[in-house]
């Protein structure tokens, strides 16, 4: 029975949670006040349709698997990673305030760009991410939608960057400054 539930709640391609599994596990996690603060990250691969169109779905599937692996390696066991569909992923970071969530998002963005091999045309795989806080007792779906709105802002601003909800009072980090922010945080 546990195996069936596990198969039902995980994305067959990437091994991370699927949308259904995310909502089930997130409900339990966010109802625990001890898990606070909680932040949400919504991520989307940039220009992924082009990857599938130019090099085929099997190639695109391998990119998705690699991205999921980088995400899983960048979060803790208490966090959730899910593929919501296509090339969109959602993370729930427990015990992570908005600043910590921004650092995790930057680490993932940089990790994907640097660790995945270049595409056949020489371009790098890039990712845009939106970050929002989940205030305890609020509507989790609204926090995911808020992070998704920040993802949209990242796409509009040129892609390959992290945008944090302005309501959460953290400066946005763009691709041009992310390397500096990331290296300072890692060395300091």
Protein backbone atom coordinates (compact mmCIF):
# COMPACT_ATOMS: atom_id res chain seq x y z
CA UNK A 1 0.00 0.00 0.00
CA UNK A 2 2.84 2.40 0.87
CA UNK A 3 4.49 1.65 -2.50
CA UNK A 4 1.29 2.58 -4.36
CA UNK A 5 1.00 5.84 -2.40
CA UNK A 6 4.65 6.61 -3.10
CA UNK A 7 4.20 5.98 -6.84
CA UNK A 8 1.00 8.06 -6.86
CA UNK A 9 2.73 11.05 -5.21
CA UNK A 10 6.01 11.14 -7.16
CA UNK A 11 6.85 12.28 -10.65
CA UNK A 12 7.87 9.18 -12.60
CA UNK A 13 10.47 11.00 -14.68
CA UNK A 14 12.36 13.02 -12.06
CA UNK A 15 11.60 11.18 -8.83
CA UNK A 16 10.57 14.34 -6.98
CA UNK A 17 7.06 14.85 -5.66
CA UNK A 18 4.30 15.56 -8.15
CA UNK A 19 1.65 18.24 -7.60
CA UNK A 20 -0.64 15.90 -5.66
CA UNK A 21 2.18 14.65 -3.42
CA UNK A 22 3.38 18.20 -2.79
CA UNK A 23 -0.02 19.40 -1.56
CA UNK A 24 -0.42 16.36 0.71
CA UNK A 25 3.00 16.68 2.32
CA UNK A 26 2.93 20.48 2.40
CA UNK A 27 -0.37 20.47 4.31
CA UNK A 28 1.19 18.38 7.06
CA UNK A 29 4.44 20.33 7.16
CA UNK A 30 2.90 23.81 7.21
CA UNK A 31 0.45 22.90 9.96
CA UNK A 32 3.42 22.35 12.30
CA UNK A 33 4.34 25.66 13.91
CA UNK A 34 7.79 24.22 14.70
CA UNK A 35 8.59 24.13 10.96
CA UNK A 36 8.36 27.93 10.77
CA UNK A 37 9.51 30.01 9.08
CA UNK A 38 8.52 28.48 5.73
CA UNK A 39 9.30 29.86 2.29
CA UNK A 40 8.16 28.86 -1.19
CA UNK A 41 10.26 28.86 -4.37
CA UNK A 42 8.71 28.42 -7.82
CA UNK A 43 11.20 27.68 -10.61
CA UNK A 44 10.85 27.35 -14.36
CA UNK A 45 13.44 26.41 -16.98
CA UNK A 46 14.08 29.20 -19.45
CA UNK A 47 13.23 28.53 -23.11
CA UNK A 48 12.62 24.83 -22.41
CA UNK A 49 10.17 24.41 -25.30
CA UNK A 50 13.10 25.16 -27.61
CA UNK A 51 15.08 22.30 -26.02
CA UNK A 52 12.30 19.80 -26.77
CA UNK A 53 11.65 21.23 -30.24
CA UNK A 54 15.29 21.27 -31.35
CA UNK A 55 16.74 18.16 -29.69
CA UNK A 56 13.71 16.02 -28.88
CA UNK A 57 11.76 15.01 -25.81
CA UNK A 58 14.26 12.37 -24.71
CA UNK A 59 16.95 15.06 -24.53
CA UNK A 60 14.52 17.35 -22.70
CA UNK A 61 13.67 14.56 -20.25
CA UNK A 62 17.36 14.17 -19.43
CA UNK A 63 17.60 17.91 -18.75
CA UNK A 64 14.58 17.71 -16.42
CA UNK A 65 16.14 14.78 -14.53
CA UNK A 66 19.40 16.69 -14.12
CA UNK A 67 17.60 19.82 -12.91
CA UNK A 68 15.63 17.79 -10.35
CA UNK A 69 18.87 16.19 -9.13
CA UNK A 70 20.51 19.60 -8.61
CA UNK A 71 17.43 20.80 -6.73
CA UNK A 72 17.35 17.72 -4.50
CA UNK A 73 21.06 18.11 -3.74
CA UNK A 74 20.52 21.79 -2.84
CA UNK A 75 17.79 21.29 -0.23
CA UNK A 76 17.54 19.49 3.09
CA UNK A 77 15.55 16.39 3.98
CA UNK A 78 12.98 18.57 5.75
CA UNK A 79 12.24 20.47 2.52
CA UNK A 80 9.93 19.47 -0.33
CA UNK A 81 10.72 19.49 -4.05
CA UNK A 82 7.99 18.90 -6.62
CA UNK A 83 7.54 18.99 -10.35
CA UNK A 84 4.25 20.77 -10.92
CA UNK A 85 4.21 20.02 -14.63
CA UNK A 86 6.29 20.54 -17.72
CA UNK A 87 9.39 22.44 -16.68
CA UNK A 88 7.97 24.03 -13.52
CA UNK A 89 9.16 23.03 -10.06
CA UNK A 90 8.02 24.12 -6.60
CA UNK A 91 10.06 23.97 -3.40
CA UNK A 92 8.79 24.30 0.14
CA UNK A 93 11.64 25.23 2.47
CA UNK A 94 10.94 24.57 6.15
CA UNK A 95 12.88 26.43 8.84
CA UNK A 96 13.85 28.94 6.14
CA UNK A 97 13.16 32.64 6.30
CA UNK A 98 13.02 34.62 3.09
CA UNK A 99 16.76 35.41 3.10
CA UNK A 100 17.64 31.73 3.46
CA UNK A 101 15.17 30.87 0.68
CA UNK A 102 16.78 33.45 -1.58
CA UNK A 103 20.21 31.90 -0.94
CA UNK A 104 18.87 28.42 -1.73
CA UNK A 105 17.24 29.69 -4.93
CA UNK A 106 20.49 31.37 -6.01
CA UNK A 107 22.47 28.21 -5.21
CA UNK A 108 20.09 26.19 -7.41
CA UNK A 109 20.16 28.75 -10.23
CA UNK A 110 23.94 28.91 -10.27
CA UNK A 111 24.27 25.14 -9.77
CA UNK A 112 22.13 24.37 -12.79
CA UNK A 113 23.91 26.85 -15.01
CA UNK A 114 27.35 25.62 -13.95
CA UNK A 115 26.85 21.87 -13.46
CA UNK A 116 24.66 20.92 -16.41
CA UNK A 117 26.53 20.48 -19.68
CA UNK A 118 25.90 23.08 -22.37
CA UNK A 119 23.13 22.42 -24.85
CA UNK A 120 24.19 21.18 -28.31
CA UNK A 121 24.15 24.80 -29.56
CA UNK A 122 26.54 25.87 -26.78
CA UNK A 123 23.99 27.72 -24.66
CA UNK A 124 23.67 27.01 -20.94
CA UNK A 125 20.54 25.66 -19.29
CA UNK A 126 19.13 28.49 -17.17
CA UNK A 127 16.38 28.82 -14.63
CA UNK A 128 14.18 31.65 -13.39
CA UNK A 129 12.90 31.52 -9.82
CA UNK A 130 10.37 33.36 -7.68
CA UNK A 131 10.46 33.36 -3.88
CA UNK A 132 7.76 34.17 -1.30
CA UNK A 133 7.25 33.65 2.42
CA UNK A 134 4.49 31.47 3.82
CA UNK A 135 3.12 33.14 6.97
CA UNK A 136 1.94 30.50 9.44
CA UNK A 137 -1.80 29.95 9.28
CA UNK A 138 -2.23 31.65 5.91
CA UNK A 139 -3.32 30.09 2.62
CA UNK A 140 -0.43 27.99 1.27
CA UNK A 141 -1.85 28.16 -2.25
CA UNK A 142 -1.71 31.96 -2.07
CA UNK A 143 1.97 31.80 -1.09
CA UNK A 144 2.66 29.50 -4.05
CA UNK A 145 0.78 31.92 -6.33
CA UNK A 146 2.82 34.82 -4.88
CA UNK A 147 6.07 32.97 -5.64
CA UNK A 148 4.72 32.22 -9.13
CA UNK A 149 4.07 35.94 -9.67
CA UNK A 150 7.70 36.59 -8.74
CA UNK A 151 8.77 33.93 -11.23
CA UNK A 152 6.80 35.80 -13.88
CA UNK A 153 8.64 39.00 -12.92
CA UNK A 154 11.97 37.16 -13.28
CA UNK A 155 10.97 36.04 -16.77
CA UNK A 156 9.87 39.55 -17.73
CA UNK A 157 13.14 41.01 -16.41
CA UNK A 158 15.25 38.85 -18.69
CA UNK A 159 15.24 35.34 -17.17
CA UNK A 160 18.07 33.49 -15.37
CA UNK A 161 17.47 35.24 -12.06
CA UNK A 162 15.77 35.07 -8.69
CA UNK A 163 13.04 37.54 -7.75
CA UNK A 164 11.78 37.76 -4.17
CA UNK A 165 8.33 38.98 -3.24
CA UNK A 166 8.49 42.73 -2.54
CA UNK A 167 6.26 42.11 0.47
CA UNK A 168 9.08 40.13 2.04
CA UNK A 169 11.60 43.03 2.06
CA UNK A 170 14.59 41.34 0.45
CA UNK A 171 16.51 42.82 -2.44
CA UNK A 172 16.20 41.05 -5.77
CA UNK A 173 19.29 39.35 -7.12
CA UNK A 174 19.83 39.30 -10.84
CA UNK A 175 22.04 37.06 -12.89
CA UNK A 176 24.64 39.81 -13.12
CA UNK A 177 25.04 40.17 -9.36
CA UNK A 178 24.15 36.63 -8.33
CA UNK A 179 27.67 35.27 -8.61
CA UNK A 180 28.94 37.91 -6.22
CA UNK A 181 26.07 37.40 -3.79
CA UNK A 182 26.47 33.65 -3.94
CA UNK A 183 30.23 33.62 -3.44
CA UNK A 184 30.08 36.13 -0.58
CA UNK A 185 27.44 34.06 1.17
CA UNK A 186 29.39 30.86 0.70
CA UNK A 187 32.68 32.32 1.94
CA UNK A 188 31.22 34.43 4.73
